[in-house]
Amino acid sequence: MQQITIRGLDPAVEKKIRNIARHQNKSINQVIKEIIHKEFRRDHAPASSLAALAGGWTRDEADAFEQAIASCEQIDEEMWK
């Protein structure tokens, strides 16, 4: 794998990266790789939690979802006797 050099990094950003590495007992390289992977995975991977979906639907998509699960909202009175 080729090497990438980052020049001109804002000192405050560098300090944060170093602090994360120190607190997580990881190398600076590993922390930066995780940040990069997290950023690029966001656009291509399926959501790993519902938080990633929050606010991501259009009104039409949300309405379609609500309509699709409407039958799940019905209570079967006979089951609860």
N, C-alpha and C. Protein backbone atom coordinates (compact mmCIF):
# COMPACT_ATOMS: atom_id res chain seq x y z
N MET A 1 0.85 -1.18 0.00
CA MET A 1 0.00 0.00 0.00
C MET A 1 0.89 1.23 0.00
N GLN A 2 0.49 2.23 -0.75
CA GLN A 2 1.27 3.45 -0.85
C GLN A 2 1.08 4.31 0.39
N GLN A 3 2.03 5.19 0.58
CA GLN A 3 2.02 6.10 1.72
C GLN A 3 1.44 7.44 1.32
N ILE A 4 0.71 8.06 2.23
CA ILE A 4 0.16 9.39 2.01
C ILE A 4 0.73 10.31 3.08
N THR A 5 1.17 11.48 2.67
CA THR A 5 1.69 12.47 3.61
C THR A 5 0.70 13.62 3.66
N ILE A 6 0.38 14.06 4.87
CA ILE A 6 -0.53 15.20 5.03
C ILE A 6 0.29 16.38 5.52
N ARG A 7 0.31 17.45 4.74
CA ARG A 7 1.06 18.65 5.11
C ARG A 7 0.08 19.77 5.43
N GLY A 8 0.50 20.69 6.26
CA GLY A 8 -0.28 21.88 6.53
C GLY A 8 -1.52 21.61 7.37
N LEU A 9 -1.49 20.56 8.17
CA LEU A 9 -2.62 20.24 9.03
C LEU A 9 -2.75 21.29 10.12
N ASP A 10 -3.95 21.74 10.35
CA ASP A 10 -4.21 22.73 11.38
C ASP A 10 -3.70 22.19 12.73
N PRO A 11 -2.94 22.98 13.46
CA PRO A 11 -2.38 22.51 14.74
C PRO A 11 -3.44 22.01 15.72
N ALA A 12 -4.60 22.62 15.74
CA ALA A 12 -5.66 22.18 16.65
C ALA A 12 -6.16 20.79 16.26
N VAL A 13 -6.27 20.53 14.96
CA VAL A 13 -6.70 19.22 14.48
C VAL A 13 -5.64 18.18 14.82
N GLU A 14 -4.39 18.52 14.59
CA GLU A 14 -3.31 17.60 14.93
C GLU A 14 -3.33 17.26 16.42
N LYS A 15 -3.55 18.25 17.25
CA LYS A 15 -3.59 18.02 18.69
C LYS A 15 -4.73 17.07 19.07
N LYS A 16 -5.90 17.26 18.44
CA LYS A 16 -7.03 16.38 18.71
C LYS A 16 -6.73 14.95 18.29
N ILE A 17 -6.11 14.79 17.13
CA ILE A 17 -5.76 13.45 16.65
C ILE A 17 -4.77 12.80 17.61
N ARG A 18 -3.79 13.55 18.05
CA ARG A 18 -2.80 13.00 18.99
C ARG A 18 -3.46 12.63 20.33
N ASN A 19 -4.39 13.45 20.79
CA ASN A 19 -5.09 13.15 22.05
C ASN A 19 -5.93 11.88 21.92
N ILE A 20 -6.64 11.74 20.79
CA ILE A 20 -7.43 10.54 20.57
C ILE A 20 -6.53 9.31 20.57
N ALA A 21 -5.42 9.40 19.86
CA ALA A 21 -4.47 8.28 19.79
C ALA A 21 -3.97 7.91 21.18
N ARG A 22 -3.61 8.91 21.96
CA ARG A 22 -3.08 8.66 23.30
C ARG A 22 -4.15 8.03 24.20
N HIS A 23 -5.37 8.58 24.17
CA HIS A 23 -6.44 8.08 25.05
C HIS A 23 -6.94 6.70 24.65
N GLN A 24 -6.87 6.39 23.36
CA GLN A 24 -7.33 5.09 22.89
C GLN A 24 -6.18 4.09 22.74
N ASN A 25 -4.99 4.53 23.12
CA ASN A 25 -3.80 3.69 23.03
C ASN A 25 -3.62 3.14 21.61
N LYS A 26 -3.74 4.03 20.63
CA LYS A 26 -3.59 3.68 19.23
C LYS A 26 -2.53 4.57 18.60
N SER A 27 -2.05 4.14 17.44
CA SER A 27 -1.11 4.99 16.71
C SER A 27 -1.88 6.12 16.04
N ILE A 28 -1.17 7.18 15.75
CA ILE A 28 -1.76 8.30 15.02
C ILE A 28 -2.25 7.80 13.66
N ASN A 29 -1.47 6.95 13.02
CA ASN A 29 -1.84 6.39 11.73
C ASN A 29 -3.19 5.66 11.83
N GLN A 30 -3.36 4.84 12.88
CA GLN A 30 -4.60 4.08 13.04
C GLN A 30 -5.79 5.02 13.24
N VAL A 31 -5.62 6.05 14.04
CA VAL A 31 -6.70 7.00 14.29
C VAL A 31 -7.10 7.69 12.99
N ILE A 32 -6.14 8.13 12.22
CA ILE A 32 -6.44 8.81 10.95
C ILE A 32 -7.12 7.85 9.98
N LYS A 33 -6.65 6.61 9.91
CA LYS A 33 -7.30 5.62 9.05
C LYS A 33 -8.75 5.40 9.46
N GLU A 34 -9.01 5.32 10.75
CA GLU A 34 -10.38 5.12 11.22
C GLU A 34 -11.27 6.31 10.86
N ILE A 35 -10.73 7.51 10.99
CA ILE A 35 -11.49 8.71 10.63
C ILE A 35 -11.82 8.68 9.14
N ILE A 36 -10.85 8.36 8.30
CA ILE A 36 -11.05 8.32 6.85
C ILE A 36 -12.06 7.23 6.48
N HIS A 37 -11.89 6.03 7.05
CA HIS A 37 -12.82 4.94 6.74
C HIS A 37 -14.24 5.28 7.18
N LYS A 38 -14.38 5.90 8.33
CA LYS A 38 -15.71 6.28 8.82
C LYS A 38 -16.36 7.28 7.86
N GLU A 39 -15.58 8.22 7.37
CA GLU A 39 -16.12 9.24 6.46
C GLU A 39 -16.59 8.62 5.15
N PHE A 40 -15.81 7.74 4.57
CA PHE A 40 -16.16 7.17 3.28
C PHE A 40 -17.21 6.07 3.39
N ARG A 41 -17.22 5.36 4.49
CA ARG A 41 -18.21 4.31 4.70
C ARG A 41 -19.61 4.90 4.81
N ARG A 42 -19.73 6.11 5.29
CA ARG A 42 -21.02 6.76 5.48
C ARG A 42 -21.84 6.80 4.19
N ASP A 43 -21.17 7.02 3.05
CA ASP A 43 -21.87 7.16 1.77
C ASP A 43 -22.22 5.82 1.12
N HIS A 44 -21.53 4.74 1.49
CA HIS A 44 -21.68 3.52 0.73
C HIS A 44 -22.18 2.32 1.52
N ALA A 45 -22.01 2.32 2.81
CA ALA A 45 -22.41 1.15 3.59
C ALA A 45 -23.84 1.31 4.09
N PRO A 46 -24.52 0.18 4.30
CA PRO A 46 -25.85 0.30 4.89
C PRO A 46 -25.75 0.85 6.31
N ALA A 47 -26.81 1.44 6.76
CA ALA A 47 -26.81 2.06 8.09
C ALA A 47 -26.54 1.00 9.15
N SER A 48 -25.64 1.30 10.07
CA SER A 48 -25.35 0.35 11.14
C SER A 48 -26.21 0.62 12.36
N SER A 49 -26.97 1.69 12.33
CA SER A 49 -27.88 1.98 13.43
C SER A 49 -29.02 2.84 12.92
N LEU A 50 -30.06 2.92 13.69
CA LEU A 50 -31.19 3.76 13.29
C LEU A 50 -30.81 5.24 13.29
N ALA A 51 -29.83 5.61 14.10
CA ALA A 51 -29.40 7.01 14.15
C ALA A 51 -28.92 7.48 12.78
N ALA A 52 -28.32 6.57 12.02
CA ALA A 52 -27.83 6.93 10.69
C ALA A 52 -28.98 7.21 9.73
N LEU A 53 -30.16 6.68 10.03
CA LEU A 53 -31.31 6.89 9.16
C LEU A 53 -32.12 8.13 9.52
N ALA A 54 -31.94 8.62 10.72
CA ALA A 54 -32.76 9.73 11.20
C ALA A 54 -32.66 10.92 10.26
N GLY A 55 -33.80 11.38 9.81
CA GLY A 55 -33.82 12.54 8.92
C GLY A 55 -33.38 12.25 7.51
N GLY A 56 -33.17 10.99 7.17
CA GLY A 56 -32.67 10.64 5.86
C GLY A 56 -33.75 10.35 4.83
N TRP A 57 -35.01 10.28 5.27
CA TRP A 57 -36.09 9.96 4.35
C TRP A 57 -36.79 11.22 3.87
N THR A 58 -37.28 11.14 2.65
CA THR A 58 -38.13 12.22 2.17
C THR A 58 -39.52 12.02 2.79
N ARG A 59 -40.37 13.00 2.67
CA ARG A 59 -41.73 12.88 3.21
C ARG A 59 -42.45 11.71 2.55
N ASP A 60 -42.28 11.54 1.23
CA ASP A 60 -42.93 10.43 0.51
C ASP A 60 -42.43 9.08 1.01
N GLU A 61 -41.12 8.96 1.24
CA GLU A 61 -40.56 7.71 1.75
C GLU A 61 -41.08 7.40 3.15
N ALA A 62 -41.16 8.42 3.99
CA ALA A 62 -41.67 8.24 5.35
C ALA A 62 -43.13 7.83 5.32
N ASP A 63 -43.92 8.46 4.46
CA ASP A 63 -45.33 8.10 4.32
C ASP A 63 -45.49 6.66 3.84
N ALA A 64 -44.67 6.26 2.87
CA ALA A 64 -44.73 4.89 2.35
C ALA A 64 -44.38 3.89 3.44
N PHE A 65 -43.40 4.21 4.26
CA PHE A 65 -43.02 3.34 5.37
C PHE A 65 -44.17 3.22 6.36
N GLU A 66 -44.75 4.33 6.74
CA GLU A 66 -45.87 4.31 7.68
C GLU A 66 -47.01 3.47 7.13
N GLN A 67 -47.29 3.60 5.85
CA GLN A 67 -48.35 2.82 5.23
C GLN A 67 -48.00 1.33 5.23
N ALA A 68 -46.74 1.02 4.98
CA ALA A 68 -46.31 -0.38 4.92
C ALA A 68 -46.42 -1.07 6.28
N ILE A 69 -46.22 -0.34 7.37
CA ILE A 69 -46.27 -0.96 8.69
C ILE A 69 -47.61 -0.75 9.40
N ALA A 70 -48.55 -0.14 8.72
CA ALA A 70 -49.85 0.15 9.34
C ALA A 70 -50.52 -1.11 9.89
N SER A 71 -50.40 -2.22 9.18
CA SER A 71 -51.03 -3.46 9.65
C SER A 71 -50.41 -3.94 10.96
N CYS A 72 -49.20 -3.58 11.21
CA CYS A 72 -48.52 -3.97 12.46
C CYS A 72 -49.06 -3.17 13.65
N GLU A 73 -49.74 -2.09 13.39
CA GLU A 73 -50.28 -1.24 14.44
C GLU A 73 -51.62 -1.75 14.95
N GLN A 74 -52.23 -2.71 14.24
CA GLN A 74 -53.54 -3.23 14.61
C GLN A 74 -53.41 -4.21 15.77
N ILE A 75 -54.29 -4.09 16.74
CA ILE A 75 -54.30 -4.97 17.90
C ILE A 75 -55.31 -6.07 17.65
N ASP A 76 -54.85 -7.32 17.78
CA ASP A 76 -55.74 -8.46 17.66
C ASP A 76 -56.34 -8.72 19.05
N GLU A 77 -57.56 -8.26 19.25
CA GLU A 77 -58.21 -8.35 20.56
C GLU A 77 -58.30 -9.80 21.04
N GLU A 78 -58.48 -10.74 20.12
CA GLU A 78 -58.60 -12.15 20.50
C GLU A 78 -57.32 -12.69 21.14
N MET A 79 -56.19 -12.17 20.71
CA MET A 79 -54.90 -12.63 21.27
C MET A 79 -54.72 -12.19 22.71
N TRP A 80 -55.37 -11.12 23.10
CA TRP A 80 -55.15 -10.55 24.41
C TRP A 80 -56.21 -10.94 25.44
N LYS A 81 -57.02 -11.92 25.13
CA LYS A 81 -58.04 -12.40 26.08
C LYS A 81 -57.50 -13.50 26.95
